[in-house]
Amino acid sequence: VSEADLLWDLASRLEGRMAAIGMETFL
């Protein structure tokens, strides 16, 4: 697994939680 993949996965997990709570999220 690459460093970029790990950071993308972490960003996706954070984005999912923020969106579920009603925040407007952008990458």
mmCIF file of all heavy atoms, coordinates in Angstrom:
data_MODEL
# 
_entry.id   MODEL 
# 
loop_
_atom_site.group_PDB 
_atom_site.id 
_atom_site.type_symbol 
_atom_site.label_atom_id 
_atom_site.label_alt_id 
_atom_site.label_comp_id 
_atom_site.label_asym_id 
_atom_site.label_entity_id 
_atom_site.label_seq_id 
_atom_site.pdbx_PDB_ins_code 
_atom_site.Cartn_x 
_atom_site.Cartn_y 
_atom_site.Cartn_z 
_atom_site.occupancy 
_atom_site.B_iso_or_equiv 
_atom_site.pdbx_formal_charge 
_atom_site.auth_seq_id 
_atom_site.auth_comp_id 
_atom_site.auth_asym_id 
_atom_site.auth_atom_id 
_atom_site.pdbx_PDB_model_num 
ATOM 1   N N   . VAL A 1 1  ? 0.852   -1.183 0.000  1.00 0.00 ? 1  VAL A N   1 
ATOM 2   C CA  . VAL A 1 1  ? 0.000   0.000  0.000  1.00 0.00 ? 1  VAL A CA  1 
ATOM 3   C C   . VAL A 1 1  ? 0.891   1.236  0.000  1.00 0.00 ? 1  VAL A C   1 
ATOM 4   O O   . VAL A 1 1  ? 1.949   1.254  0.631  1.00 0.00 ? 1  VAL A O   1 
ATOM 5   C CB  . VAL A 1 1  ? -0.951  0.000  1.232  1.00 0.00 ? 1  VAL A CB  1 
ATOM 6   C CG1 . VAL A 1 1  ? -0.166  0.011  2.528  1.00 0.00 ? 1  VAL A CG1 1 
ATOM 7   C CG2 . VAL A 1 1  ? -1.922  1.165  1.181  1.00 0.00 ? 1  VAL A CG2 1 
ATOM 8   N N   . SER A 1 2  ? 0.489   2.243  -0.746 1.00 0.00 ? 2  SER A N   1 
ATOM 9   C CA  . SER A 1 2  ? 1.299   3.453  -0.857 1.00 0.00 ? 2  SER A CA  1 
ATOM 10  C C   . SER A 1 2  ? 0.874   4.485  0.184  1.00 0.00 ? 2  SER A C   1 
ATOM 11  O O   . SER A 1 2  ? -0.242  4.446  0.716  1.00 0.00 ? 2  SER A O   1 
ATOM 12  C CB  . SER A 1 2  ? 1.173   4.059  -2.255 1.00 0.00 ? 2  SER A CB  1 
ATOM 13  O OG  . SER A 1 2  ? -0.110  4.651  -2.434 1.00 0.00 ? 2  SER A OG  1 
ATOM 14  N N   . GLU A 1 3  ? 1.781   5.410  0.434  1.00 0.00 ? 3  GLU A N   1 
ATOM 15  C CA  . GLU A 1 3  ? 1.492   6.532  1.334  1.00 0.00 ? 3  GLU A CA  1 
ATOM 16  C C   . GLU A 1 3  ? 0.278   7.316  0.836  1.00 0.00 ? 3  GLU A C   1 
ATOM 17  O O   . GLU A 1 3  ? -0.595  7.702  1.619  1.00 0.00 ? 3  GLU A O   1 
ATOM 18  C CB  . GLU A 1 3  ? 2.731   7.427  1.383  1.00 0.00 ? 3  GLU A CB  1 
ATOM 19  C CG  . GLU A 1 3  ? 2.683   8.585  2.334  1.00 0.00 ? 3  GLU A CG  1 
ATOM 20  C CD  . GLU A 1 3  ? 3.959   9.401  2.276  1.00 0.00 ? 3  GLU A CD  1 
ATOM 21  O OE1 . GLU A 1 3  ? 4.999   8.864  1.848  1.00 0.00 ? 3  GLU A OE1 1 
ATOM 22  O OE2 . GLU A 1 3  ? 3.910   10.577 2.661  1.00 0.00 ? 3  GLU A OE2 1 
ATOM 23  N N   . ALA A 1 4  ? 0.211   7.519  -0.500 1.00 0.00 ? 4  ALA A N   1 
ATOM 24  C CA  . ALA A 1 4  ? -0.927  8.241  -1.077 1.00 0.00 ? 4  ALA A CA  1 
ATOM 25  C C   . ALA A 1 4  ? -2.235  7.500  -0.822 1.00 0.00 ? 4  ALA A C   1 
ATOM 26  O O   . ALA A 1 4  ? -3.268  8.116  -0.527 1.00 0.00 ? 4  ALA A O   1 
ATOM 27  C CB  . ALA A 1 4  ? -0.716  8.448  -2.574 1.00 0.00 ? 4  ALA A CB  1 
ATOM 28  N N   . ASP A 1 5  ? -2.202  6.171  -0.930 1.00 0.00 ? 5  ASP A N   1 
ATOM 29  C CA  . ASP A 1 5  ? -3.419  5.371  -0.687 1.00 0.00 ? 5  ASP A CA  1 
ATOM 30  C C   . ASP A 1 5  ? -3.875  5.495  0.763  1.00 0.00 ? 5  ASP A C   1 
ATOM 31  O O   . ASP A 1 5  ? -5.079  5.613  1.045  1.00 0.00 ? 5  ASP A O   1 
ATOM 32  C CB  . ASP A 1 5  ? -3.158  3.897  -1.014 1.00 0.00 ? 5  ASP A CB  1 
ATOM 33  C CG  . ASP A 1 5  ? -3.001  3.652  -2.505 1.00 0.00 ? 5  ASP A CG  1 
ATOM 34  O OD1 . ASP A 1 5  ? -3.503  4.471  -3.291 1.00 0.00 ? 5  ASP A OD1 1 
ATOM 35  O OD2 . ASP A 1 5  ? -2.362  2.647  -2.869 1.00 0.00 ? 5  ASP A OD2 1 
ATOM 36  N N   . LEU A 1 6  ? -2.923  5.466  1.697  1.00 0.00 ? 6  LEU A N   1 
ATOM 37  C CA  . LEU A 1 6  ? -3.261  5.577  3.114  1.00 0.00 ? 6  LEU A CA  1 
ATOM 38  C C   . LEU A 1 6  ? -3.896  6.932  3.418  1.00 0.00 ? 6  LEU A C   1 
ATOM 39  O O   . LEU A 1 6  ? -4.897  7.020  4.144  1.00 0.00 ? 6  LEU A O   1 
ATOM 40  C CB  . LEU A 1 6  ? -2.012  5.380  3.971  1.00 0.00 ? 6  LEU A CB  1 
ATOM 41  C CG  . LEU A 1 6  ? -1.420  3.968  4.014  1.00 0.00 ? 6  LEU A CG  1 
ATOM 42  C CD1 . LEU A 1 6  ? -0.079  3.972  4.735  1.00 0.00 ? 6  LEU A CD1 1 
ATOM 43  C CD2 . LEU A 1 6  ? -2.387  3.001  4.703  1.00 0.00 ? 6  LEU A CD2 1 
ATOM 44  N N   . LEU A 1 7  ? -3.326  7.995  2.845  1.00 0.00 ? 7  LEU A N   1 
ATOM 45  C CA  . LEU A 1 7  ? -3.860  9.335  3.096  1.00 0.00 ? 7  LEU A CA  1 
ATOM 46  C C   . LEU A 1 7  ? -5.233  9.510  2.442  1.00 0.00 ? 7  LEU A C   1 
ATOM 47  O O   . LEU A 1 7  ? -6.118  10.154 3.007  1.00 0.00 ? 7  LEU A O   1 
ATOM 48  C CB  . LEU A 1 7  ? -2.876  10.389 2.589  1.00 0.00 ? 7  LEU A CB  1 
ATOM 49  C CG  . LEU A 1 7  ? -1.558  10.466 3.366  1.00 0.00 ? 7  LEU A CG  1 
ATOM 50  C CD1 . LEU A 1 7  ? -0.564  11.374 2.657  1.00 0.00 ? 7  LEU A CD1 1 
ATOM 51  C CD2 . LEU A 1 7  ? -1.791  10.960 4.794  1.00 0.00 ? 7  LEU A CD2 1 
ATOM 52  N N   . TRP A 1 8  ? -5.400  8.925  1.250  1.00 0.00 ? 8  TRP A N   1 
ATOM 53  C CA  . TRP A 1 8  ? -6.707  8.994  0.586  1.00 0.00 ? 8  TRP A CA  1 
ATOM 54  C C   . TRP A 1 8  ? -7.768  8.257  1.398  1.00 0.00 ? 8  TRP A C   1 
ATOM 55  O O   . TRP A 1 8  ? -8.892  8.740  1.556  1.00 0.00 ? 8  TRP A O   1 
ATOM 56  C CB  . TRP A 1 8  ? -6.604  8.418  -0.822 1.00 0.00 ? 8  TRP A CB  1 
ATOM 57  C CG  . TRP A 1 8  ? -7.893  8.494  -1.575 1.00 0.00 ? 8  TRP A CG  1 
ATOM 58  C CD1 . TRP A 1 8  ? -8.845  7.528  -1.691 1.00 0.00 ? 8  TRP A CD1 1 
ATOM 59  C CD2 . TRP A 1 8  ? -8.400  9.623  -2.295 1.00 0.00 ? 8  TRP A CD2 1 
ATOM 60  N NE1 . TRP A 1 8  ? -9.906  7.966  -2.438 1.00 0.00 ? 8  TRP A NE1 1 
ATOM 61  C CE2 . TRP A 1 8  ? -9.664  9.251  -2.827 1.00 0.00 ? 8  TRP A CE2 1 
ATOM 62  C CE3 . TRP A 1 8  ? -7.909  10.900 -2.563 1.00 0.00 ? 8  TRP A CE3 1 
ATOM 63  C CZ2 . TRP A 1 8  ? -10.429 10.110 -3.597 1.00 0.00 ? 8  TRP A CZ2 1 
ATOM 64  C CZ3 . TRP A 1 8  ? -8.679  11.767 -3.323 1.00 0.00 ? 8  TRP A CZ3 1 
ATOM 65  C CH2 . TRP A 1 8  ? -9.919  11.378 -3.833 1.00 0.00 ? 8  TRP A CH2 1 
ATOM 66  N N   . ASP A 1 9  ? -7.398  7.081  1.918  1.00 0.00 ? 9  ASP A N   1 
ATOM 67  C CA  . ASP A 1 9  ? -8.340  6.301  2.724  1.00 0.00 ? 9  ASP A CA  1 
ATOM 68  C C   . ASP A 1 9  ? -8.699  7.052  4.006  1.00 0.00 ? 9  ASP A C   1 
ATOM 69  O O   . ASP A 1 9  ? -9.875  7.098  4.400  1.00 0.00 ? 9  ASP A O   1 
ATOM 70  C CB  . ASP A 1 9  ? -7.722  4.947  3.071  1.00 0.00 ? 9  ASP A CB  1 
ATOM 71  C CG  . ASP A 1 9  ? -8.652  4.092  3.923  1.00 0.00 ? 9  ASP A CG  1 
ATOM 72  O OD1 . ASP A 1 9  ? -9.561  3.458  3.363  1.00 0.00 ? 9  ASP A OD1 1 
ATOM 73  O OD2 . ASP A 1 9  ? -8.481  4.093  5.160  1.00 0.00 ? 9  ASP A OD2 1 
ATOM 74  N N   . LEU A 1 10 ? -7.709  7.658  4.646  1.00 0.00 ? 10 LEU A N   1 
ATOM 75  C CA  . LEU A 1 10 ? -7.984  8.420  5.869  1.00 0.00 ? 10 LEU A CA  1 
ATOM 76  C C   . LEU A 1 10 ? -8.893  9.606  5.559  1.00 0.00 ? 10 LEU A C   1 
ATOM 77  O O   . LEU A 1 10 ? -9.851  9.885  6.303  1.00 0.00 ? 10 LEU A O   1 
ATOM 78  C CB  . LEU A 1 10 ? -6.664  8.904  6.486  1.00 0.00 ? 10 LEU A CB  1 
ATOM 79  C CG  . LEU A 1 10 ? -6.773  9.828  7.700  1.00 0.00 ? 10 LEU A CG  1 
ATOM 80  C CD1 . LEU A 1 10 ? -7.564  9.176  8.833  1.00 0.00 ? 10 LEU A CD1 1 
ATOM 81  C CD2 . LEU A 1 10 ? -5.377  10.231 8.192  1.00 0.00 ? 10 LEU A CD2 1 
ATOM 82  N N   . ALA A 1 11 ? -8.614  10.308 4.455  1.00 0.00 ? 11 ALA A N   1 
ATOM 83  C CA  . ALA A 1 11 ? -9.462  11.438 4.060  1.00 0.00 ? 11 ALA A CA  1 
ATOM 84  C C   . ALA A 1 11 ? -10.892 10.972 3.786  1.00 0.00 ? 11 ALA A C   1 
ATOM 85  O O   . ALA A 1 11 ? -11.860 11.653 4.147  1.00 0.00 ? 11 ALA A O   1 
ATOM 86  C CB  . ALA A 1 11 ? -8.873  12.129 2.828  1.00 0.00 ? 11 ALA A CB  1 
ATOM 87  N N   . SER A 1 12 ? -11.045 9.809  3.156  1.00 0.00 ? 12 SER A N   1 
ATOM 88  C CA  . SER A 1 12 ? -12.382 9.282  2.853  1.00 0.00 ? 12 SER A CA  1 
ATOM 89  C C   . SER A 1 12 ? -13.143 8.930  4.126  1.00 0.00 ? 12 SER A C   1 
ATOM 90  O O   . SER A 1 12 ? -14.352 9.173  4.230  1.00 0.00 ? 12 SER A O   1 
ATOM 91  C CB  . SER A 1 12 ? -12.260 8.051  1.953  1.00 0.00 ? 12 SER A CB  1 
ATOM 92  O OG  . SER A 1 12 ? -11.631 8.386  0.725  1.00 0.00 ? 12 SER A OG  1 
ATOM 93  N N   . ARG A 1 13 ? -12.432 8.352  5.109  1.00 0.00 ? 13 ARG A N   1 
ATOM 94  C CA  . ARG A 1 13 ? -13.082 8.026  6.382  1.00 0.00 ? 13 ARG A CA  1 
ATOM 95  C C   . ARG A 1 13 ? -13.525 9.304  7.100  1.00 0.00 ? 13 ARG A C   1 
ATOM 96  O O   . ARG A 1 13 ? -14.616 9.358  7.682  1.00 0.00 ? 13 ARG A O   1 
ATOM 97  C CB  . ARG A 1 13 ? -12.127 7.219  7.260  1.00 0.00 ? 13 ARG A CB  1 
ATOM 98  C CG  . ARG A 1 13 ? -11.864 5.818  6.749  1.00 0.00 ? 13 ARG A CG  1 
ATOM 99  C CD  . ARG A 1 13 ? -10.722 5.117  7.491  1.00 0.00 ? 13 ARG A CD  1 
ATOM 100 N NE  . ARG A 1 13 ? -10.333 3.895  6.804  1.00 0.00 ? 13 ARG A NE  1 
ATOM 101 C CZ  . ARG A 1 13 ? -10.749 2.669  7.136  1.00 0.00 ? 13 ARG A CZ  1 
ATOM 102 N NH1 . ARG A 1 13 ? -11.566 2.510  8.177  1.00 0.00 ? 13 ARG A NH1 1 
ATOM 103 N NH2 . ARG A 1 13 ? -10.349 1.621  6.448  1.00 0.00 ? 13 ARG A NH2 1 
ATOM 104 N N   . LEU A 1 14 ? -12.683 10.324 7.060  1.00 0.00 ? 14 LEU A N   1 
ATOM 105 C CA  . LEU A 1 14 ? -13.037 11.597 7.692  1.00 0.00 ? 14 LEU A CA  1 
ATOM 106 C C   . LEU A 1 14 ? -14.186 12.259 6.947  1.00 0.00 ? 14 LEU A C   1 
ATOM 107 O O   . LEU A 1 14 ? -15.139 12.763 7.565  1.00 0.00 ? 14 LEU A O   1 
ATOM 108 C CB  . LEU A 1 14 ? -11.811 12.510 7.721  1.00 0.00 ? 14 LEU A CB  1 
ATOM 109 C CG  . LEU A 1 14 ? -11.997 13.902 8.329  1.00 0.00 ? 14 LEU A CG  1 
ATOM 110 C CD1 . LEU A 1 14 ? -12.500 13.812 9.764  1.00 0.00 ? 14 LEU A CD1 1 
ATOM 111 C CD2 . LEU A 1 14 ? -10.684 14.694 8.272  1.00 0.00 ? 14 LEU A CD2 1 
ATOM 112 N N   . GLU A 1 15 ? -14.133 12.235 5.613  1.00 0.00 ? 15 GLU A N   1 
ATOM 113 C CA  . GLU A 1 15 ? -15.202 12.826 4.809  1.00 0.00 ? 15 GLU A CA  1 
ATOM 114 C C   . GLU A 1 15 ? -16.535 12.143 5.081  1.00 0.00 ? 15 GLU A C   1 
ATOM 115 O O   . GLU A 1 15 ? -17.577 12.799 5.212  1.00 0.00 ? 15 GLU A O   1 
ATOM 116 C CB  . GLU A 1 15 ? -14.853 12.719 3.325  1.00 0.00 ? 15 GLU A CB  1 
ATOM 117 C CG  . GLU A 1 15 ? -15.902 13.346 2.417  1.00 0.00 ? 15 GLU A CG  1 
ATOM 118 C CD  . GLU A 1 15 ? -15.685 13.019 0.961  1.00 0.00 ? 15 GLU A CD  1 
ATOM 119 O OE1 . GLU A 1 15 ? -15.121 11.947 0.667  1.00 0.00 ? 15 GLU A OE1 1 
ATOM 120 O OE2 . GLU A 1 15 ? -16.093 13.821 0.103  1.00 0.00 ? 15 GLU A OE2 1 
ATOM 121 N N   . GLY A 1 16 ? -16.534 10.813 5.169  1.00 0.00 ? 16 GLY A N   1 
ATOM 122 C CA  . GLY A 1 16 ? -17.769 10.078 5.419  1.00 0.00 ? 16 GLY A CA  1 
ATOM 123 C C   . GLY A 1 16 ? -18.404 10.451 6.742  1.00 0.00 ? 16 GLY A C   1 
ATOM 124 O O   . GLY A 1 16 ? -19.634 10.634 6.833  1.00 0.00 ? 16 GLY A O   1 
ATOM 125 N N   . ARG A 1 17 ? -17.599 10.571 7.774  1.00 0.00 ? 17 ARG A N   1 
ATOM 126 C CA  . ARG A 1 17 ? -18.124 10.934 9.095  1.00 0.00 ? 17 ARG A CA  1 
ATOM 127 C C   . ARG A 1 17 ? -18.639 12.372 9.110  1.00 0.00 ? 17 ARG A C   1 
ATOM 128 O O   . ARG A 1 17 ? -19.677 12.668 9.709  1.00 0.00 ? 17 ARG A O   1 
ATOM 129 C CB  . ARG A 1 17 ? -17.041 10.733 10.157 1.00 0.00 ? 17 ARG A CB  1 
ATOM 130 C CG  . ARG A 1 17 ? -16.807 9.266  10.508 1.00 0.00 ? 17 ARG A CG  1 
ATOM 131 C CD  . ARG A 1 17 ? -15.492 9.068  11.254 1.00 0.00 ? 17 ARG A CD  1 
ATOM 132 N NE  . ARG A 1 17 ? -15.391 7.707  11.764 1.00 0.00 ? 17 ARG A NE  1 
ATOM 133 C CZ  . ARG A 1 17 ? -15.072 6.649  11.014 1.00 0.00 ? 17 ARG A CZ  1 
ATOM 134 N NH1 . ARG A 1 17 ? -14.822 6.810  9.715  1.00 0.00 ? 17 ARG A NH1 1 
ATOM 135 N NH2 . ARG A 1 17 ? -14.982 5.441  11.566 1.00 0.00 ? 17 ARG A NH2 1 
ATOM 136 N N   . MET A 1 18 ? -17.906 13.273 8.455  1.00 0.00 ? 18 MET A N   1 
ATOM 137 C CA  . MET A 1 18 ? -18.347 14.665 8.423  1.00 0.00 ? 18 MET A CA  1 
ATOM 138 C C   . MET A 1 18 ? -19.647 14.810 7.634  1.00 0.00 ? 18 MET A C   1 
ATOM 139 O O   . MET A 1 18 ? -20.552 15.554 8.040  1.00 0.00 ? 18 MET A O   1 
ATOM 140 C CB  . MET A 1 18 ? -17.248 15.540 7.814  1.00 0.00 ? 18 MET A CB  1 
ATOM 141 C CG  . MET A 1 18 ? -16.061 15.759 8.740  1.00 0.00 ? 18 MET A CG  1 
ATOM 142 S SD  . MET A 1 18 ? -14.834 16.897 8.046  1.00 0.00 ? 18 MET A SD  1 
ATOM 143 C CE  . MET A 1 18 ? -13.870 17.272 9.523  1.00 0.00 ? 18 MET A CE  1 
ATOM 144 N N   . ALA A 1 19 ? -19.754 14.099 6.506  1.00 0.00 ? 19 ALA A N   1 
ATOM 145 C CA  . ALA A 1 19 ? -20.975 14.168 5.700  1.00 0.00 ? 19 ALA A CA  1 
ATOM 146 C C   . ALA A 1 19 ? -22.165 13.595 6.468  1.00 0.00 ? 19 ALA A C   1 
ATOM 147 O O   . ALA A 1 19 ? -23.276 14.134 6.413  1.00 0.00 ? 19 ALA A O   1 
ATOM 148 C CB  . ALA A 1 19 ? -20.781 13.415 4.384  1.00 0.00 ? 19 ALA A CB  1 
ATOM 149 N N   . ALA A 1 20 ? -21.933 12.516 7.215  1.00 0.00 ? 20 ALA A N   1 
ATOM 150 C CA  . ALA A 1 20 ? -23.017 11.897 7.988  1.00 0.00 ? 20 ALA A CA  1 
ATOM 151 C C   . ALA A 1 20 ? -23.541 12.828 9.066  1.00 0.00 ? 20 ALA A C   1 
ATOM 152 O O   . ALA A 1 20 ? -24.716 12.753 9.450  1.00 0.00 ? 20 ALA A O   1 
ATOM 153 C CB  . ALA A 1 20 ? -22.522 10.593 8.621  1.00 0.00 ? 20 ALA A CB  1 
ATOM 154 N N   . ILE A 1 21 ? -22.705 13.717 9.518  1.00 0.00 ? 21 ILE A N   1 
ATOM 155 C CA  . ILE A 1 21 ? -23.108 14.618 10.595 1.00 0.00 ? 21 ILE A CA  1 
ATOM 156 C C   . ILE A 1 21 ? -23.705 15.909 10.041 1.00 0.00 ? 21 ILE A C   1 
ATOM 157 O O   . ILE A 1 21 ? -24.143 16.781 10.796 1.00 0.00 ? 21 ILE A O   1 
ATOM 158 C CB  . ILE A 1 21 ? -21.896 14.890 11.514 1.00 0.00 ? 21 ILE A CB  1 
ATOM 159 C CG1 . ILE A 1 21 ? -22.310 14.961 12.981 1.00 0.00 ? 21 ILE A CG1 1 
ATOM 160 C CG2 . ILE A 1 21 ? -21.146 16.147 11.118 1.00 0.00 ? 21 ILE A CG2 1 
ATOM 161 C CD1 . ILE A 1 21 ? -21.141 14.823 13.943 1.00 0.00 ? 21 ILE A CD1 1 
ATOM 162 N N   . GLY A 1 22 ? -23.714 16.016 8.684  1.00 0.00 ? 22 GLY A N   1 
ATOM 163 C CA  . GLY A 1 22 ? -24.358 17.160 8.050  1.00 0.00 ? 22 GLY A CA  1 
ATOM 164 C C   . GLY A 1 22 ? -23.427 18.245 7.563  1.00 0.00 ? 22 GLY A C   1 
ATOM 165 O O   . GLY A 1 22 ? -23.893 19.307 7.136  1.00 0.00 ? 22 GLY A O   1 
ATOM 166 N N   . MET A 1 23 ? -22.127 17.988 7.571  1.00 0.00 ? 23 MET A N   1 
ATOM 167 C CA  . MET A 1 23 ? -21.182 18.999 7.101  1.00 0.00 ? 23 MET A CA  1 
ATOM 168 C C   . MET A 1 23 ? -21.047 18.928 5.586  1.00 0.00 ? 23 MET A C   1 
ATOM 169 O O   . MET A 1 23 ? -21.219 17.872 4.975  1.00 0.00 ? 23 MET A O   1 
ATOM 170 C CB  . MET A 1 23 ? -19.807 18.789 7.751  1.00 0.00 ? 23 MET A CB  1 
ATOM 171 C CG  . MET A 1 23 ? -19.841 18.817 9.267  1.00 0.00 ? 23 MET A CG  1 
ATOM 172 S SD  . MET A 1 23 ? -18.225 18.500 10.033 1.00 0.00 ? 23 MET A SD  1 
ATOM 173 C CE  . MET A 1 23 ? -17.454 20.096 9.854  1.00 0.00 ? 23 MET A CE  1 
ATOM 174 N N   . GLU A 1 24 ? -20.766 20.062 4.964  1.00 0.00 ? 24 GLU A N   1 
ATOM 175 C CA  . GLU A 1 24 ? -20.446 20.094 3.538  1.00 0.00 ? 24 GLU A CA  1 
ATOM 176 C C   . GLU A 1 24 ? -18.959 19.809 3.395  1.00 0.00 ? 24 GLU A C   1 
ATOM 177 O O   . GLU A 1 24 ? -18.128 20.574 3.879  1.00 0.00 ? 24 GLU A O   1 
ATOM 178 C CB  . GLU A 1 24 ? -20.759 21.464 2.940  1.00 0.00 ? 24 GLU A CB  1 
ATOM 179 C CG  . GLU A 1 24 ? -22.225 21.797 2.854  1.00 0.00 ? 24 GLU A CG  1 
ATOM 180 C CD  . GLU A 1 24 ? -22.422 23.106 2.115  1.00 0.00 ? 24 GLU A CD  1 
ATOM 181 O OE1 . GLU A 1 24 ? -22.114 23.172 0.903  1.00 0.00 ? 24 GLU A OE1 1 
ATOM 182 O OE2 . GLU A 1 24 ? -22.851 24.077 2.758  1.00 0.00 ? 24 GLU A OE2 1 
ATOM 183 N N   . THR A 1 25 ? -18.635 18.707 2.732  1.00 0.00 ? 25 THR A N   1 
ATOM 184 C CA  . THR A 1 25 ? -17.232 18.308 2.629  1.00 0.00 ? 25 THR A CA  1 
ATOM 185 C C   . THR A 1 25 ? -16.765 18.324 1.182  1.00 0.00 ? 25 THR A C   1 
ATOM 186 O O   . THR A 1 25 ? -17.521 17.997 0.260  1.00 0.00 ? 25 THR A O   1 
ATOM 187 C CB  . THR A 1 25 ? -17.013 16.907 3.209  1.00 0.00 ? 25 THR A CB  1 
ATOM 188 O OG1 . THR A 1 25 ? -17.857 15.976 2.529  1.00 0.00 ? 25 THR A OG1 1 
ATOM 189 C CG2 . THR A 1 25 ? -17.337 16.878 4.699  1.00 0.00 ? 25 THR A CG2 1 
ATOM 190 N N   . PHE A 1 26 ? -15.509 18.700 0.997  1.00 0.00 ? 26 PHE A N   1 
ATOM 191 C CA  . PHE A 1 26 ? -14.880 18.721 -0.317 1.00 0.00 ? 26 PHE A CA  1 
ATOM 192 C C   . PHE A 1 26 ? -13.480 18.127 -0.175 1.00 0.00 ? 26 PHE A C   1 
ATOM 193 O O   . PHE A 1 26 ? -12.817 18.319 0.843  1.00 0.00 ? 26 PHE A O   1 
ATOM 194 C CB  . PHE A 1 26 ? -14.755 20.154 -0.847 1.00 0.00 ? 26 PHE A CB  1 
ATOM 195 C CG  . PHE A 1 26 ? -16.062 20.886 -0.972 1.00 0.00 ? 26 PHE A CG  1 
ATOM 196 C CD1 . PHE A 1 26 ? -16.622 21.527 0.131  1.00 0.00 ? 26 PHE A CD1 1 
ATOM 197 C CD2 . PHE A 1 26 ? -16.728 20.945 -2.180 1.00 0.00 ? 26 PHE A CD2 1 
ATOM 198 C CE1 . PHE A 1 26 ? -17.820 22.211 0.038  1.00 0.00 ? 26 PHE A CE1 1 
ATOM 199 C CE2 . PHE A 1 26 ? -17.934 21.624 -2.286 1.00 0.00 ? 26 PHE A CE2 1 
ATOM 200 C CZ  . PHE A 1 26 ? -18.484 22.259 -1.183 1.00 0.00 ? 26 PHE A CZ  1 
ATOM 201 N N   . LEU A 1 27 ? -13.040 17.431 -1.199 1.00 0.00 ? 27 LEU A N   1 
ATOM 202 C CA  . LEU A 1 27 ? -11.660 16.958 -1.257 1.00 0.00 ? 27 LEU A CA  1 
ATOM 203 C C   . LEU A 1 27 ? -10.861 17.894 -2.150 1.00 0.00 ? 27 LEU A C   1 
ATOM 204 O O   . LEU A 1 27 ? -11.375 18.401 -3.160 1.00 0.00 ? 27 LEU A O   1 
ATOM 205 C CB  . LEU A 1 27 ? -11.596 15.527 -1.792 1.00 0.00 ? 27 LEU A CB  1 
ATOM 206 C CG  . LEU A 1 27 ? -12.164 14.449 -0.862 1.00 0.00 ? 27 LEU A CG  1 
ATOM 207 C CD1 . LEU A 1 27 ? -12.198 13.099 -1.567 1.00 0.00 ? 27 LEU A CD1 1 
ATOM 208 C CD2 . LEU A 1 27 ? -11.351 14.342 0.423  1.00 0.00 ? 27 LEU A CD2 1 
# 
